[in-house]
Amino acid sequence: MLKLEKRITLHTFEVEYIDQREPKPRTVHHEPCVLDGGRVSALERLGQSPASWICQQYARQGFTVGAVRKGERLTASVDTAALWDIAVQQAGAQRKSAAPDPVDRNCAPAGKSVNPLPDLGESVARSEAEAARLHEIAAELAAKSAQLERRGGEQHERV
């Protein structure tokens, strides 16, 4: 069996927040928040820090963040076949459960479950096809670039 692995990077942040709905004096809660490297990279490209994004997510749920401290970073290899099996099992369990999950799990606390992954079969196949097409385009561009370089060298030799 072909074993494919994907390297993932996880970043932890310690979030200090209060629930504005609590009566005064309010308790300061501490909670770890885990973001994947892809999200952190996307936020950087958008010019937003992970800490400000985390604050926005907590604010959407009615919390006020006092501090966000950067924690550890972990890189791991994940067996994609095993991940697929887990996702399929979780999707089956979710379909059996009729009760919707009212909590936004974009930034789930460590130790708590997140929403199951959706059925990704069609998306994965489409992504693989798009990746193959991009590789073809890159190869075509490289060939054309080499051709142009050769032509440019021939013209310099003629002069």
Protein backbone atom coordinates (compact mmCIF):
# COMPACT_ATOMS: atom_id res chain seq x y z
CA MET A 1 0.00 0.00 0.00
CA LEU A 2 1.27 3.44 -0.91
CA LYS A 3 1.90 5.48 2.20
CA LEU A 4 1.59 9.24 1.73
CA GLU A 5 2.43 11.66 4.48
CA LYS A 6 1.91 15.36 4.86
CA ARG A 7 4.00 17.56 7.09
CA ILE A 8 1.96 19.90 9.23
CA THR A 9 3.01 22.64 11.59
CA LEU A 10 0.94 23.53 14.63
CA HIS A 11 1.33 26.76 16.61
CA THR A 12 0.02 27.09 20.17
CA PHE A 13 -1.07 30.31 21.82
CA GLU A 14 -2.10 30.84 25.44
CA VAL A 15 -5.23 33.01 25.52
CA GLU A 16 -6.32 34.96 28.59
CA TYR A 17 -9.94 36.11 28.34
CA ILE A 18 -13.02 37.12 30.29
CA ASP A 19 -16.66 36.42 29.59
CA GLN A 20 -18.53 39.74 29.55
CA ARG A 21 -21.79 37.89 30.27
CA GLU A 22 -20.57 36.87 33.74
CA PRO A 23 -21.52 39.05 36.71
CA LYS A 24 -18.73 41.15 38.22
CA PRO A 25 -16.14 40.29 39.46
CA ARG A 26 -15.39 38.29 36.33
CA THR A 27 -13.06 35.32 36.21
CA VAL A 28 -9.99 35.45 33.98
CA HIS A 29 -9.93 32.25 31.94
CA HIS A 30 -6.77 30.72 30.44
CA GLU A 31 -7.04 28.52 27.39
CA PRO A 32 -4.62 27.16 24.80
CA CYS A 33 -5.50 27.81 21.17
CA VAL A 34 -3.91 25.78 18.35
CA LEU A 35 -3.56 27.09 14.78
CA ASP A 36 -2.16 25.18 11.83
CA GLY A 37 0.76 26.54 9.82
CA GLY A 38 -1.42 27.16 6.77
CA ARG A 39 -3.71 29.50 8.70
CA VAL A 40 -0.74 31.33 10.25
CA SER A 41 0.84 31.72 6.80
CA ALA A 42 -2.43 32.99 5.28
CA LEU A 43 -2.82 35.53 8.09
CA GLU A 44 0.73 36.79 7.50
CA ARG A 45 0.00 37.22 3.77
CA LEU A 46 -3.08 39.24 4.71
CA GLY A 47 -1.02 41.43 7.05
CA GLN A 48 -2.75 40.18 10.18
CA SER A 49 -1.08 38.66 13.21
CA PRO A 50 -2.34 35.36 14.62
CA ALA A 51 -2.91 37.12 17.97
CA SER A 52 -5.26 39.72 16.44
CA TRP A 53 -7.14 37.01 14.54
CA ILE A 54 -7.55 35.00 17.76
CA CYS A 55 -8.88 38.14 19.50
CA GLN A 56 -11.43 38.61 16.70
CA GLN A 57 -12.62 35.01 17.00
CA TYR A 58 -13.08 35.29 20.76
CA ALA A 59 -14.86 38.66 20.36
CA ARG A 60 -17.32 37.06 17.91
CA GLN A 61 -18.28 34.65 20.69
CA GLY A 62 -18.73 37.41 23.29
CA PHE A 63 -15.39 37.23 25.08
CA THR A 64 -12.83 39.96 25.76
CA VAL A 65 -9.22 38.86 25.34
CA GLY A 66 -6.72 40.24 27.82
CA ALA A 67 -3.58 38.66 26.39
CA VAL A 68 -2.40 36.21 23.74
CA ARG A 69 1.00 34.64 24.35
CA LYS A 70 2.80 32.64 21.69
CA GLY A 71 3.58 29.11 22.83
CA GLU A 72 5.29 26.19 21.17
CA ARG A 73 5.52 25.24 17.52
CA LEU A 74 5.35 21.59 16.52
CA THR A 75 5.99 20.02 13.13
CA ALA A 76 4.72 16.51 12.52
CA SER A 77 4.18 14.08 9.65
CA VAL A 78 0.61 12.89 9.26
CA ASP A 79 -0.36 9.70 7.43
CA THR A 80 -3.00 10.98 5.00
CA ALA A 81 -4.64 7.55 4.62
CA ALA A 82 -5.13 7.30 8.39
CA LEU A 83 -6.40 10.89 8.47
CA TRP A 84 -8.89 10.03 5.73
CA ASP A 85 -10.16 7.01 7.70
CA ILE A 86 -10.67 9.16 10.80
CA ALA A 87 -12.47 11.84 8.79
CA VAL A 88 -14.80 9.27 7.22
CA GLN A 89 -15.62 7.80 10.64
CA GLN A 90 -16.29 11.23 12.11
CA ALA A 91 -18.43 12.25 9.13
CA GLY A 92 -20.50 9.09 9.56
CA ALA A 93 -20.94 9.80 13.26
CA GLN A 94 -21.96 13.39 12.49
CA ARG A 95 -24.58 12.27 9.98
CA LYS A 96 -26.07 9.98 12.62
CA SER A 97 -26.29 12.85 15.08
CA ALA A 98 -29.14 15.19 14.17
CA ALA A 99 -28.24 17.87 16.75
CA PRO A 100 -26.25 20.77 15.26
CA ASP A 101 -23.12 21.97 17.06
CA PRO A 102 -23.81 25.60 18.11
CA VAL A 103 -20.18 26.40 18.97
CA ASP A 104 -17.80 27.94 16.45
CA ARG A 105 -14.79 25.60 16.53
CA ASN A 106 -12.42 27.64 14.35
CA CYS A 107 -10.15 28.01 17.34
CA ALA A 108 -10.94 24.96 19.49
CA PRO A 109 -9.37 24.69 22.93
CA ALA A 110 -6.81 21.92 23.34
CA GLY A 111 -8.35 18.69 24.53
CA LYS A 112 -11.78 19.49 23.09
CA SER A 113 -13.07 17.98 19.87
CA VAL A 114 -13.50 20.00 16.73
CA ASN A 115 -16.11 19.64 14.03
CA PRO A 116 -15.43 16.61 11.85
CA LEU A 117 -13.87 17.10 8.46
CA PRO A 118 -16.30 17.12 5.56
CA ASP A 119 -16.24 14.44 2.87
CA LEU A 120 -13.19 15.55 0.91
CA GLY A 121 -13.12 12.91 -1.83
CA GLU A 122 -14.32 15.16 -4.64
CA SER A 123 -12.26 18.14 -3.43
CA VAL A 124 -9.10 16.03 -3.17
CA ALA A 125 -9.59 14.62 -6.67
CA ARG A 126 -10.20 18.13 -8.05
CA SER A 127 -7.14 19.49 -6.21
CA GLU A 128 -4.97 16.67 -7.53
CA ALA A 129 -6.18 17.37 -11.07
CA GLU A 130 -5.51 21.09 -10.65
CA ALA A 131 -2.04 20.36 -9.23
CA ALA A 132 -1.26 18.09 -12.19
CA ARG A 133 -2.40 20.80 -14.60
CA LEU A 134 -0.25 23.39 -12.80
CA HIS A 135 2.76 21.07 -13.11
CA GLU A 136 2.06 20.74 -16.85
CA ILE A 137 1.86 24.53 -17.21
CA ALA A 138 5.09 24.97 -15.25
CA ALA A 139 6.85 22.44 -17.48
CA GLU A 140 5.56 24.23 -20.60
CA LEU A 141 6.75 27.58 -19.27
CA ALA A 142 10.17 26.15 -18.41
CA ALA A 143 10.49 24.70 -21.92
CA LYS A 144 9.47 27.99 -23.55
CA SER A 145 11.84 29.92 -21.30
CA ALA A 146 14.71 27.62 -22.27
CA GLN A 147 13.77 28.06 -25.93
CA LEU A 148 13.83 31.85 -25.61
CA GLU A 149 17.19 31.74 -23.85
CA ARG A 150 18.64 29.61 -26.65
CA ARG A 151 17.27 32.02 -29.26
CA GLY A 152 18.69 34.98 -27.37
CA GLY A 153 22.10 33.30 -27.24
CA GLU A 154 21.98 32.59 -31.00
CA GLN A 155 21.19 36.27 -31.75
CA HIS A 156 24.10 37.46 -29.60
CA GLU A 157 26.45 35.10 -31.44
CA ARG A 158 25.32 36.46 -34.84
CA VAL A 159 26.02 40.08 -33.92
